[in-house]
PDB file of N, CA and C in Angstrom:
ATOM      1  N   MET A   1     -69.650 -32.933 -97.650  1.00  0.00           N
ATOM      2  CA  MET A   1     -69.614 -33.034 -96.346  1.00  0.00           C
ATOM      3  C   MET A   1     -69.192 -31.648 -95.882  1.00  0.00           C
ATOM      4  N   LYS A   2     -70.040 -31.157 -95.008  1.00  0.00           N
ATOM      5  CA  LYS A   2     -70.172 -29.672 -94.197  1.00  0.00           C
ATOM      6  C   LYS A   2     -68.648 -29.448 -93.582  1.00  0.00           C
ATOM      7  N   GLU A   3     -68.039 -28.676 -93.629  1.00  0.00           N
ATOM      8  CA  GLU A   3     -66.950 -28.257 -92.944  1.00  0.00           C
ATOM      9  C   GLU A   3     -67.009 -27.388 -91.664  1.00  0.00           C
ATOM     10  N   LEU A   4     -68.149 -26.815 -91.267  1.00  0.00           N
ATOM     11  CA  LEU A   4     -68.538 -25.708 -90.319  1.00  0.00           C
ATOM     12  C   LEU A   4     -69.692 -26.209 -89.761  1.00  0.00           C
ATOM     13  N   TYR A   5     -69.761 -26.353 -88.346  1.00  0.00           N
ATOM     14  CA  TYR A   5     -71.035 -26.752 -87.553  1.00  0.00           C
ATOM     15  C   TYR A   5     -70.855 -25.680 -86.374  1.00  0.00           C
ATOM     16  N   ILE A   6     -72.164 -25.514 -85.661  1.00  0.00           N
ATOM     17  CA  ILE A   6     -72.355 -25.004 -84.525  1.00  0.00           C
ATOM     18  C   ILE A   6     -72.660 -25.942 -83.519  1.00  0.00           C
ATOM     19  N   TYR A   7     -72.053 -25.833 -82.286  1.00  0.00           N
ATOM     20  CA  TYR A   7     -72.048 -26.812 -81.486  1.00  0.00           C
ATOM     21  C   TYR A   7     -71.987 -26.398 -79.882  1.00  0.00           C
ATOM     22  N   GLU A   8     -72.348 -27.539 -78.906  1.00  0.00           N
ATOM     23  CA  GLU A   8     -72.296 -27.306 -77.546  1.00  0.00           C
ATOM     24  C   GLU A   8     -71.525 -28.346 -77.130  1.00  0.00           C
ATOM     25  N   VAL A   9     -70.291 -27.979 -76.402  1.00  0.00           N
ATOM     26  CA  VAL A   9     -69.361 -28.727 -75.870  1.00  0.00           C
ATOM     27  C   VAL A   9     -69.751 -29.127 -74.316  1.00  0.00           C
ATOM     28  N   SER A  10     -69.889 -30.230 -73.837  1.00  0.00           N
ATOM     29  CA  SER A  10     -70.270 -30.832 -72.506  1.00  0.00           C
ATOM     30  C   SER A  10     -68.862 -30.258 -71.564  1.00  0.00           C
ATOM     31  N   PRO A  11     -69.230 -29.783 -70.325  1.00  0.00           N
ATOM     32  CA  PRO A  11     -68.253 -29.534 -69.456  1.00  0.00           C
ATOM     33  C   PRO A  11     -67.271 -30.661 -69.118  1.00  0.00           C
ATOM     34  N   SER A  12     -67.789 -31.591 -68.937  1.00  0.00           N
ATOM     35  CA  SER A  12     -66.921 -32.654 -68.665  1.00  0.00           C
ATOM     36  C   SER A  12     -66.044 -33.173 -69.739  1.00  0.00           C
ATOM     37  N   TYR A  13     -66.207 -32.905 -70.793  1.00  0.00           N
ATOM     38  CA  TYR A  13     -65.389 -33.161 -71.746  1.00  0.00           C
ATOM     39  C   TYR A  13     -64.212 -32.083 -71.770  1.00  0.00           C
ATOM     40  N   LEU A  14     -64.707 -30.729 -71.621  1.00  0.00           N
ATOM     41  CA  LEU A  14     -63.563 -29.710 -71.549  1.00  0.00           C
ATOM     42  C   LEU A  14     -62.643 -30.104 -70.340  1.00  0.00           C
ATOM     43  N   ARG A  15     -63.191 -30.446 -69.411  1.00  0.00           N
ATOM     44  CA  ARG A  15     -62.284 -30.677 -68.102  1.00  0.00           C
ATOM     45  C   ARG A  15     -61.407 -31.578 -68.448  1.00  0.00           C
ATOM     46  N   PHE A  16     -61.944 -32.733 -69.012  1.00  0.00           N
ATOM     47  CA  PHE A  16     -60.938 -33.922 -69.386  1.00  0.00           C
ATOM     48  C   PHE A  16     -59.986 -33.292 -70.239  1.00  0.00           C
ATOM     49  N   LEU A  17     -60.040 -32.536 -71.327  1.00  0.00           N
ATOM     50  CA  LEU A  17     -59.082 -32.104 -72.119  1.00  0.00           C
ATOM     51  C   LEU A  17     -58.216 -30.961 -71.612  1.00  0.00           C
ATOM     52  N   HIS A  18     -58.729 -30.178 -70.611  1.00  0.00           N
ATOM     53  CA  HIS A  18     -57.854 -29.253 -69.837  1.00  0.00           C
ATOM     54  C   HIS A  18     -56.817 -30.042 -68.895  1.00  0.00           C
ATOM     55  N   LYS A  19     -57.090 -31.311 -68.682  1.00  0.00           N
ATOM     56  CA  LYS A  19     -56.163 -31.941 -67.691  1.00  0.00           C
ATOM     57  C   LYS A  19     -55.101 -32.354 -68.793  1.00  0.00           C
ATOM     58  N   VAL A  20     -55.251 -32.471 -70.143  1.00  0.00           N
ATOM     59  CA  VAL A  20     -54.074 -32.731 -70.922  1.00  0.00           C
ATOM     60  C   VAL A  20     -53.530 -31.663 -71.277  1.00  0.00           C
ATOM     61  N   ASP A  21     -54.002 -30.414 -71.667  1.00  0.00           N
ATOM     62  CA  ASP A  21     -53.661 -29.336 -72.334  1.00  0.00           C
ATOM     63  C   ASP A  21     -54.074 -28.168 -71.501  1.00  0.00           C
ATOM     64  N   HIS A  22     -53.389 -27.450 -70.518  1.00  0.00           N
ATOM     65  CA  HIS A  22     -53.792 -26.483 -69.849  1.00  0.00           C
ATOM     66  C   HIS A  22     -54.356 -25.275 -70.833  1.00  0.00           C
ATOM     67  N   ARG A  23     -54.098 -25.319 -72.135  1.00  0.00           N
ATOM     68  CA  ARG A  23     -54.693 -24.048 -72.790  1.00  0.00           C
ATOM     69  C   ARG A  23     -56.356 -24.441 -73.140  1.00  0.00           C
ATOM     70  N   VAL A  24     -56.803 -25.507 -72.867  1.00  0.00           N
ATOM     71  CA  VAL A  24     -58.310 -25.861 -73.269  1.00  0.00           C
ATOM     72  C   VAL A  24     -58.875 -25.257 -72.187  1.00  0.00           C
ATOM     73  N   SER A  25     -59.800 -24.105 -72.560  1.00  0.00           N
ATOM     74  CA  SER A  25     -60.717 -23.414 -71.402  1.00  0.00           C
ATOM     75  C   SER A  25     -61.619 -24.180 -70.897  1.00  0.00           C
ATOM     76  N   VAL A  26     -61.759 -23.884 -69.627  1.00  0.00           N
ATOM     77  CA  VAL A  26     -62.633 -24.165 -68.855  1.00  0.00           C
ATOM     78  C   VAL A  26     -63.755 -23.191 -67.939  1.00  0.00           C
ATOM     79  N   LYS A  27     -63.578 -22.049 -68.645  1.00  0.00           N
ATOM     80  CA  LYS A  27     -64.045 -20.964 -68.125  1.00  0.00           C
ATOM     81  C   LYS A  27     -65.449 -20.755 -68.843  1.00  0.00           C
ATOM     82  N   PHE A  28     -66.537 -21.587 -68.340  1.00  0.00           N
ATOM     83  CA  PHE A  28     -67.706 -21.267 -69.249  1.00  0.00           C
ATOM     84  C   PHE A  28     -68.734 -20.702 -68.137  1.00  0.00           C
ATOM     85  N   ASN A  29     -68.525 -20.604 -66.990  1.00  0.00           N
ATOM     86  CA  ASN A  29     -69.356 -20.074 -65.787  1.00  0.00           C
ATOM     87  C   ASN A  29     -70.856 -20.330 -65.993  1.00  0.00           C
ATOM     88  N   ASN A  30     -71.028 -21.644 -66.040  1.00  0.00           N
ATOM     89  CA  ASN A  30     -72.388 -22.171 -65.971  1.00  0.00           C
ATOM     90  C   ASN A  30     -73.289 -21.636 -67.193  1.00  0.00           C
ATOM     91  N   ARG A  31     -72.617 -21.335 -68.074  1.00  0.00           N
ATOM     92  CA  ARG A  31     -73.256 -21.034 -69.432  1.00  0.00           C
ATOM     93  C   ARG A  31     -72.912 -21.988 -70.597  1.00  0.00           C
ATOM     94  N   PRO A  32     -73.761 -22.344 -71.610  1.00  0.00           N
ATOM     95  CA  PRO A  32     -73.209 -23.306 -72.584  1.00  0.00           C
ATOM     96  C   PRO A  32     -71.894 -22.925 -73.096  1.00  0.00           C
ATOM     97  N   PHE A  33     -71.067 -23.739 -73.497  1.00  0.00           N
ATOM     98  CA  PHE A  33     -69.594 -23.500 -74.284  1.00  0.00           C
ATOM     99  C   PHE A  33     -69.976 -23.696 -75.554  1.00  0.00           C
ATOM    100  N   VAL A  34     -70.464 -22.752 -76.508  1.00  0.00           N
ATOM    101  CA  VAL A  34     -70.954 -22.920 -77.797  1.00  0.00           C
ATOM    102  C   VAL A  34     -69.876 -22.313 -78.778  1.00  0.00           C
ATOM    103  N   GLY A  35     -69.517 -22.945 -79.804  1.00  0.00           N
ATOM    104  CA  GLY A  35     -68.615 -22.560 -80.722  1.00  0.00           C
ATOM    105  C   GLY A  35     -68.780 -23.154 -82.173  1.00  0.00           C
ATOM    106  N   VAL A  36     -67.913 -22.852 -83.175  1.00  0.00           N
ATOM    107  CA  VAL A  36     -67.998 -23.400 -84.387  1.00  0.00           C
ATOM    108  C   VAL A  36     -67.249 -24.643 -84.496  1.00  0.00           C
ATOM    109  N   ILE A  37     -67.395 -25.684 -85.177  1.00  0.00           N
ATOM    110  CA  ILE A  37     -66.758 -26.844 -85.152  1.00  0.00           C
ATOM    111  C   ILE A  37     -66.137 -26.743 -86.819  1.00  0.00           C
ATOM    112  N   THR A  38     -64.816 -27.188 -86.943  1.00  0.00           N
ATOM    113  CA  THR A  38     -64.497 -27.081 -87.923  1.00  0.00           C
ATOM    114  C   THR A  38     -63.711 -28.394 -88.017  1.00  0.00           C
ATOM    115  N   MET A  39     -63.755 -29.151 -89.212  1.00  0.00           N
ATOM    116  CA  MET A  39     -62.943 -30.464 -89.650  1.00  0.00           C
ATOM    117  C   MET A  39     -61.725 -30.333 -90.223  1.00  0.00           C
ATOM    118  N   ILE A  40     -60.554 -30.779 -89.094  1.00  0.00           N
ATOM    119  CA  ILE A  40     -59.225 -30.644 -89.709  1.00  0.00           C
ATOM    120  C   ILE A  40     -58.556 -31.759 -89.723  1.00  0.00           C
ATOM    121  N   ASN A  41     -58.288 -32.505 -90.411  1.00  0.00           N
ATOM    122  CA  ASN A  41     -57.362 -33.803 -90.407  1.00  0.00           C
ATOM    123  C   ASN A  41     -58.110 -34.776 -89.881  1.00  0.00           C
ATOM    124  N   GLY A  42     -59.553 -34.642 -90.376  1.00  0.00           N
ATOM    125  CA  GLY A  42     -60.368 -35.864 -89.841  1.00  0.00           C
ATOM    126  C   GLY A  42     -60.862 -35.598 -88.266  1.00  0.00           C
ATOM    127  N   MET A  43     -60.469 -34.448 -87.734  1.00  0.00           N
ATOM    128  CA  MET A  43     -60.878 -34.377 -86.392  1.00  0.00           C
ATOM    129  C   MET A  43     -61.806 -33.116 -86.342  1.00  0.00           C
ATOM    130  N   GLU A  44     -62.620 -32.898 -85.267  1.00  0.00           N
ATOM    131  CA  GLU A  44     -63.442 -31.636 -85.004  1.00  0.00           C
ATOM    132  C   GLU A  44     -62.884 -30.918 -83.998  1.00  0.00           C
ATOM    133  N   TYR A  45     -62.592 -29.213 -84.450  1.00  0.00           N
ATOM    134  CA  TYR A  45     -62.070 -28.445 -83.373  1.00  0.00           C
ATOM    135  C   TYR A  45     -63.156 -27.397 -83.349  1.00  0.00           C
ATOM    136  N   LEU A  46     -63.131 -26.923 -82.082  1.00  0.00           N
ATOM    137  CA  LEU A  46     -64.056 -26.030 -81.516  1.00  0.00           C
ATOM    138  C   LEU A  46     -63.399 -24.697 -81.661  1.00  0.00           C
ATOM    139  N   HIS A  47     -64.068 -23.414 -81.993  1.00  0.00           N
ATOM    140  CA  HIS A  47     -63.622 -22.215 -82.129  1.00  0.00           C
ATOM    141  C   HIS A  47     -64.744 -21.596 -81.372  1.00  0.00           C
ATOM    142  N   THR A  48     -64.481 -20.892 -80.177  1.00  0.00           N
ATOM    143  CA  THR A  48     -65.636 -20.495 -79.464  1.00  0.00           C
ATOM    144  C   THR A  48     -66.007 -19.009 -80.008  1.00  0.00           C
ATOM    145  N   PHE A  49     -67.307 -18.574 -79.677  1.00  0.00           N
ATOM    146  CA  PHE A  49     -67.644 -17.381 -80.221  1.00  0.00           C
ATOM    147  C   PHE A  49     -68.890 -16.548 -79.142  1.00  0.00           C
ATOM    148  N   GLU A  50     -69.219 -15.545 -79.206  1.00  0.00           N
ATOM    149  CA  GLU A  50     -70.264 -14.982 -78.439  1.00  0.00           C
ATOM    150  C   GLU A  50     -71.560 -15.171 -79.344  1.00  0.00           C
ATOM    151  N   SER A  51     -72.730 -15.126 -78.702  1.00  0.00           N
ATOM    152  CA  SER A  51     -73.784 -15.479 -79.251  1.00  0.00           C
ATOM    153  C   SER A  51     -74.231 -14.578 -80.583  1.00  0.00           C
ATOM    154  N   ASN A  52     -73.705 -13.286 -80.388  1.00  0.00           N
ATOM    155  CA  ASN A  52     -74.186 -12.425 -81.375  1.00  0.00           C
ATOM    156  C   ASN A  52     -72.787 -12.260 -82.644  1.00  0.00           C
ATOM    157  N   GLU A  53     -72.338 -13.402 -82.545  1.00  0.00           N
ATOM    158  CA  GLU A  53     -71.141 -13.527 -83.757  1.00  0.00           C
ATOM    159  C   GLU A  53     -71.758 -14.290 -84.757  1.00  0.00           C
ATOM    160  N   ILE A  54     -72.930 -15.106 -84.500  1.00  0.00           N
ATOM    161  CA  ILE A  54     -73.295 -16.024 -85.559  1.00  0.00           C
ATOM    162  C   ILE A  54     -73.580 -15.483 -87.100  1.00  0.00           C
ATOM    163  N   ARG A  55     -74.112 -14.104 -87.365  1.00  0.00           N
ATOM    164  CA  ARG A  55     -74.387 -13.875 -88.679  1.00  0.00           C
ATOM    165  C   ARG A  55     -72.829 -13.561 -89.212  1.00  0.00           C
ATOM    166  N   PHE A  56     -71.879 -13.125 -88.495  1.00  0.00           N
ATOM    167  CA  PHE A  56     -70.765 -12.974 -89.219  1.00  0.00           C
ATOM    168  C   PHE A  56     -69.921 -14.190 -89.465  1.00  0.00           C
ATOM    169  N   ILE A  57     -70.140 -15.156 -88.790  1.00  0.00           N
ATOM    170  CA  ILE A  57     -69.701 -16.668 -88.825  1.00  0.00           C
ATOM    171  C   ILE A  57     -70.073 -17.037 -90.134  1.00  0.00           C
ATOM    172  N   ARG A  58     -71.496 -17.147 -90.509  1.00  0.00           N
ATOM    173  CA  ARG A  58     -72.144 -17.621 -91.590  1.00  0.00           C
ATOM    174  C   ARG A  58     -71.686 -16.967 -92.689  1.00  0.00           C
ATOM    175  N   LYS A  59     -71.436 -15.392 -92.757  1.00  0.00           N
ATOM    176  CA  LYS A  59     -70.995 -14.678 -93.843  1.00  0.00           C
ATOM    177  C   LYS A  59     -69.667 -14.978 -94.203  1.00  0.00           C
ATOM    178  N   HIS A  60     -68.867 -15.297 -93.092  1.00  0.00           N
ATOM    179  CA  HIS A  60     -67.128 -15.434 -93.480  1.00  0.00           C
ATOM    180  C   HIS A  60     -66.750 -17.040 -93.300  1.00  0.00           C
ATOM    181  N   LYS A  61     -67.713 -17.887 -93.417  1.00  0.00           N
ATOM    182  CA  LYS A  61     -67.452 -19.089 -93.076  1.00  0.00           C
ATOM    183  C   LYS A  61     -66.102 -19.772 -94.044  1.00  0.00           C
ATOM    184  N   ASN A  62     -65.939 -19.541 -95.133  1.00  0.00           N
ATOM    185  CA  ASN A  62     -64.945 -19.879 -95.728  1.00  0.00           C
ATOM    186  C   ASN A  62     -63.449 -19.535 -95.380  1.00  0.00           C
ATOM    187  N   ASP A  63     -63.305 -17.983 -95.100  1.00  0.00           N
ATOM    188  CA  ASP A  63     -62.348 -17.610 -94.426  1.00  0.00           C
ATOM    189  C   ASP A  63     -62.019 -18.234 -93.022  1.00  0.00           C
ATOM    190  N   ILE A  64     -63.064 -18.467 -92.109  1.00  0.00           N
ATOM    191  CA  ILE A  64     -62.642 -19.037 -90.969  1.00  0.00           C
ATOM    192  C   ILE A  64     -62.135 -20.535 -91.250  1.00  0.00           C
ATOM    193  N   ILE A  65     -62.805 -21.084 -92.139  1.00  0.00           N
ATOM    194  CA  ILE A  65     -62.221 -22.545 -92.376  1.00  0.00           C
ATOM    195  C   ILE A  65     -60.650 -22.504 -92.700  1.00  0.00           C
ATOM    196  N   SER A  66     -60.623 -21.419 -93.688  1.00  0.00           N
ATOM    197  CA  SER A  66     -59.135 -21.514 -94.228  1.00  0.00           C
ATOM    198  C   SER A  66     -58.206 -21.236 -93.091  1.00  0.00           C
ATOM    199  N   LYS A  67     -58.489 -20.135 -92.301  1.00  0.00           N
ATOM    200  CA  LYS A  67     -57.716 -19.870 -91.318  1.00  0.00           C
ATOM    201  C   LYS A  67     -57.250 -20.726 -90.324  1.00  0.00           C
ATOM    202  N   ALA A  68     -58.385 -21.419 -89.954  1.00  0.00           N
ATOM    203  CA  ALA A  68     -58.366 -22.561 -89.011  1.00  0.00           C
ATOM    204  C   ALA A  68     -57.200 -23.438 -89.416  1.00  0.00           C
ATOM    205  N   ARG A  69     -57.375 -23.991 -90.935  1.00  0.00           N
ATOM    206  CA  ARG A  69     -56.546 -24.852 -91.107  1.00  0.00           C
ATOM    207  C   ARG A  69     -55.211 -24.430 -91.270  1.00  0.00           C
ATOM    208  N   LYS A  70     -54.885 -23.276 -91.533  1.00  0.00           N
ATOM    209  CA  LYS A  70     -53.456 -22.510 -91.445  1.00  0.00           C
ATOM    210  C   LYS A  70     -52.914 -22.715 -90.041  1.00  0.00           C
ATOM    211  N   VAL A  71     -53.843 -22.193 -88.966  1.00  0.00           N
ATOM    212  CA  VAL A  71     -53.107 -22.221 -87.590  1.00  0.00           C
ATOM    213  C   VAL A  71     -52.747 -23.527 -87.377  1.00  0.00           C
ATOM    214  N   TYR A  72     -53.820 -24.723 -87.632  1.00  0.00           N
ATOM    215  CA  TYR A  72     -53.528 -26.040 -87.406  1.00  0.00           C
ATOM    216  C   TYR A  72     -52.157 -26.706 -87.888  1.00  0.00           C
ATOM    217  N   GLU A  73     -51.859 -26.553 -89.202  1.00  0.00           N
ATOM    218  CA  GLU A  73     -50.665 -26.916 -90.019  1.00  0.00           C
ATOM    219  C   GLU A  73     -49.657 -26.051 -89.449  1.00  0.00           C
ATOM    220  N   ASP A  74     -49.761 -24.826 -89.054  1.00  0.00           N
ATOM    221  CA  ASP A  74     -48.755 -23.925 -88.323  1.00  0.00           C
ATOM    222  C   ASP A  74     -48.259 -24.570 -87.122  1.00  0.00           C
ATOM    223  N   ARG A  75     -49.107 -24.832 -86.146  1.00  0.00           N
ATOM    224  CA  ARG A  75     -49.198 -25.323 -85.098  1.00  0.00           C
ATOM    225  C   ARG A  75     -48.598 -26.575 -85.008  1.00  0.00           C
ATOM    226  N   ILE A  76     -49.019 -27.778 -85.751  1.00  0.00           N
ATOM    227  CA  ILE A  76     -48.254 -28.791 -85.679  1.00  0.00           C
ATOM    228  C   ILE A  76     -46.883 -28.786 -86.274  1.00  0.00           C
ATOM    229  N   LYS A  77     -46.618 -28.182 -87.084  1.00  0.00           N
ATOM    230  CA  LYS A  77     -45.174 -27.833 -87.592  1.00  0.00           C
ATOM    231  C   LYS A  77     -44.403 -27.380 -86.507  1.00  0.00           C
ATOM    232  N   GLN A  78     -44.787 -26.623 -85.653  1.00  0.00           N
ATOM    233  CA  GLN A  78     -44.137 -26.290 -84.187  1.00  0.00           C
ATOM    234  C   GLN A  78     -42.944 -25.398 -84.538  1.00  0.00           C
ATOM    235  N   GLU A  79     -43.142 -24.499 -85.600  1.00  0.00           N
ATOM    236  CA  GLU A  79     -42.219 -23.584 -86.319  1.00  0.00           C
ATOM    237  C   GLU A  79     -42.499 -22.263 -85.554  1.00  0.00           C
ATOM    238  N   ASP A  80     -43.798 -21.924 -85.137  1.00  0.00           N
ATOM    239  CA  ASP A  80     -44.013 -20.461 -84.497  1.00  0.00           C
ATOM    240  C   ASP A  80     -44.183 -20.715 -83.132  1.00  0.00           C
ATOM    241  N   SER A  81     -43.122 -20.153 -82.541  1.00  0.00           N
ATOM    242  CA  SER A  81     -43.080 -19.943 -80.909  1.00  0.00           C
ATOM    243  C   SER A  81     -44.418 -19.557 -80.269  1.00  0.00           C
ATOM    244  N   PHE A  82     -44.824 -18.369 -81.088  1.00  0.00           N
ATOM    245  CA  PHE A  82     -45.930 -17.849 -80.445  1.00  0.00           C
ATOM    246  C   PHE A  82     -46.867 -18.666 -80.480  1.00  0.00           C
ATOM    247  N   LEU A  83     -47.474 -19.310 -81.988  1.00  0.00           N
ATOM    248  CA  LEU A  83     -48.444 -20.269 -81.640  1.00  0.00           C
ATOM    249  C   LEU A  83     -48.150 -21.558 -80.757  1.00  0.00           C
ATOM    250  N   ASN A  84     -47.019 -21.889 -80.554  1.00  0.00           N
ATOM    251  CA  ASN A  84     -46.944 -22.878 -79.644  1.00  0.00           C
ATOM    252  C   ASN A  84     -47.232 -22.310 -78.135  1.00  0.00           C
ATOM    253  N   ARG A  85     -47.156 -21.221 -77.892  1.00  0.00           N
ATOM    254  CA  ARG A  85     -47.472 -20.757 -76.550  1.00  0.00           C
ATOM    255  C   ARG A  85     -48.978 -20.568 -76.429  1.00  0.00           C
ATOM    256  N   ILE A  86     -49.594 -19.922 -77.449  1.00  0.00           N
ATOM    257  CA  ILE A  86     -51.129 -19.789 -77.170  1.00  0.00           C
ATOM    258  C   ILE A  86     -52.117 -20.543 -77.493  1.00  0.00           C
ATOM    259  N   CYS A  87     -51.641 -21.710 -78.596  1.00  0.00           N
ATOM    260  CA  CYS A  87     -52.749 -22.484 -79.242  1.00  0.00           C
ATOM    261  C   CYS A  87     -52.301 -23.999 -78.427  1.00  0.00           C
ATOM    262  N   CYS A  88     -53.472 -24.702 -78.359  1.00  0.00           N
ATOM    263  CA  CYS A  88     -53.371 -26.139 -77.941  1.00  0.00           C
ATOM    264  C   CYS A  88     -52.668 -27.037 -78.653  1.00  0.00           C
ATOM    265  N   ASP A  89     -51.994 -28.047 -78.152  1.00  0.00           N
ATOM    266  CA  ASP A  89     -51.405 -29.023 -78.772  1.00  0.00           C
ATOM    267  C   ASP A  89     -52.281 -29.772 -79.405  1.00  0.00           C
ATOM    268  N   PHE A  90     -52.588 -29.652 -80.680  1.00  0.00           N
ATOM    269  CA  PHE A  90     -53.482 -30.489 -81.521  1.00  0.00           C
ATOM    270  C   PHE A  90     -53.395 -31.817 -81.618  1.00  0.00           C
ATOM    271  N   LYS A  91     -52.129 -32.263 -81.848  1.00  0.00           N
ATOM    272  CA  LYS A  91     -51.779 -33.714 -81.912  1.00  0.00           C
ATOM    273  C   LYS A  91     -52.021 -34.468 -80.447  1.00  0.00           C
ATOM    274  N   LEU A  92     -51.706 -33.885 -79.448  1.00  0.00           N
ATOM    275  CA  LEU A  92     -52.026 -34.425 -78.041  1.00  0.00           C
ATOM    276  C   LEU A  92     -53.496 -34.521 -77.824  1.00  0.00           C
ATOM    277  N   LEU A  93     -54.071 -33.430 -78.365  1.00  0.00           N
ATOM    278  CA  LEU A  93     -55.652 -33.639 -77.960  1.00  0.00           C
ATOM    279  C   LEU A  93     -56.402 -34.633 -78.921  1.00  0.00           C
ATOM    280  N   GLU A  94     -55.787 -34.865 -80.176  1.00  0.00           N
ATOM    281  CA  GLU A  94     -56.429 -35.636 -80.865  1.00  0.00           C
ATOM    282  C   GLU A  94     -56.388 -37.108 -80.293  1.00  0.00           C
ATOM    283  N   LYS A  95     -55.083 -37.449 -79.738  1.00  0.00           N
ATOM    284  CA  LYS A  95     -54.710 -38.652 -79.056  1.00  0.00           C
ATOM    285  C   LYS A  95     -55.704 -39.044 -77.885  1.00  0.00           C
ATOM    286  N   TYR A  96     -55.783 -37.924 -76.898  1.00  0.00           N
ATOM    287  CA  TYR A  96     -56.687 -37.848 -75.972  1.00  0.00           C
ATOM    288  C   TYR A  96     -58.365 -38.143 -76.236  1.00  0.00           C
ATOM    289  N   HIS A  97     -58.389 -37.406 -77.194  1.00  0.00           N
ATOM    290  CA  HIS A  97     -59.680 -37.763 -77.817  1.00  0.00           C
ATOM    291  C   HIS A  97     -60.255 -39.131 -77.762  1.00  0.00           C
ATOM    292  N   GLN A  98     -59.617 -39.551 -78.809  1.00  0.00           N
ATOM    293  CA  GLN A  98     -59.631 -41.163 -78.701  1.00  0.00           C
ATOM    294  C   GLN A  98     -59.864 -41.826 -77.598  1.00  0.00           C
ATOM    295  N   LYS A  99     -59.066 -41.719 -76.602  1.00  0.00           N
ATOM    296  CA  LYS A  99     -58.843 -41.907 -75.170  1.00  0.00           C
ATOM    297  C   LYS A  99     -60.376 -41.903 -74.372  1.00  0.00           C
ATOM    298  N   TYR A 100     -60.844 -40.556 -74.621  1.00  0.00           N
ATOM    299  CA  TYR A 100     -62.144 -40.131 -73.947  1.00  0.00           C
ATOM    300  C   TYR A 100     -63.156 -40.763 -74.639  1.00  0.00           C
ATOM    301  N   LEU A 101     -63.272 -41.257 -75.965  1.00  0.00           N
ATOM    302  CA  LEU A 101     -64.314 -41.900 -76.632  1.00  0.00           C
ATOM    303  C   LEU A 101     -64.275 -43.222 -76.128  1.00  0.00           C
ATOM    304  N   VAL A 102     -63.112 -43.780 -75.763  1.00  0.00           N
ATOM    305  CA  VAL A 102     -63.052 -45.058 -75.242  1.00  0.00           C
ATOM    306  C   VAL A 102     -63.595 -45.182 -73.837  1.00  0.00           C
ATOM    307  N   GLN A 103     -63.288 -44.271 -73.101  1.00  0.00           N
ATOM    308  CA  GLN A 103     -63.721 -44.334 -71.716  1.00  0.00           C
ATOM    309  C   GLN A 103     -65.280 -43.816 -71.552  1.00  0.00           C
ATOM    310  N   ILE A 104     -65.779 -43.171 -72.580  1.00  0.00           N
ATOM    311  CA  ILE A 104     -67.376 -43.119 -72.657  1.00  0.00           C
ATOM    312  C   ILE A 104     -68.146 -44.089 -73.030  1.00  0.00           C
ATOM    313  N   GLN A 105     -67.667 -44.856 -74.044  1.00  0.00           N
ATOM    314  CA  GLN A 105     -67.980 -46.382 -74.455  1.00  0.00           C
ATOM    315  C   GLN A 105     -67.953 -47.289 -73.180  1.00  0.00           C
ATOM    316  N   LYS A 106     -66.844 -47.425 -72.528  1.00  0.00           N
ATOM    317  CA  LYS A 106     -66.845 -48.400 -71.048  1.00  0.00           C
ATOM    318  C   LYS A 106     -68.033 -47.972 -70.339  1.00  0.00           C
ATOM    319  N   ASN A 107     -68.360 -46.514 -70.233  1.00  0.00           N
ATOM    320  CA  ASN A 107     -69.095 -46.206 -69.280  1.00  0.00           C
ATOM    321  C   ASN A 107     -70.725 -46.607 -69.687  1.00  0.00           C
ATOM    322  N   LEU A 108     -70.920 -46.724 -70.951  1.00  0.00           N
ATOM    323  CA  LEU A 108     -71.934 -46.938 -71.340  1.00  0.00           C
ATOM    324  C   LEU A 108     -72.436 -48.709 -71.254  1.00  0.00           C
ATOM    325  N   ASP A 109     -71.329 -49.223 -71.561  1.00  0.00           N
ATOM    326  CA  ASP A 109     -71.408 -50.838 -71.499  1.00  0.00           C
ATOM    327  C   ASP A 109     -71.771 -51.418 -70.067  1.00  0.00           C
TER     328      ASP A 109
END
């Protein structure tokens, strides 16, 4: 299974997550919100980037995945006060991601 994807996130999903955790950015200024998706703990996480960074990302894919996993692990341990201030609460967002999926499914039914 691939562990790195390029993806566009819907503004409505970002607004939903921003209500849960204020550190989720909603500053997309009518531009697509694009980034790299990494799979960590069975969840997909978006790391945003500028469009001219794609070559760098492809070249350093393994380093990006490794660093993303380390940030995730350090943040959920909540031992690093700096990460606690600047990083989203991944566990909380995982919980609300599931609620969002249920909400979307109800709208489709």
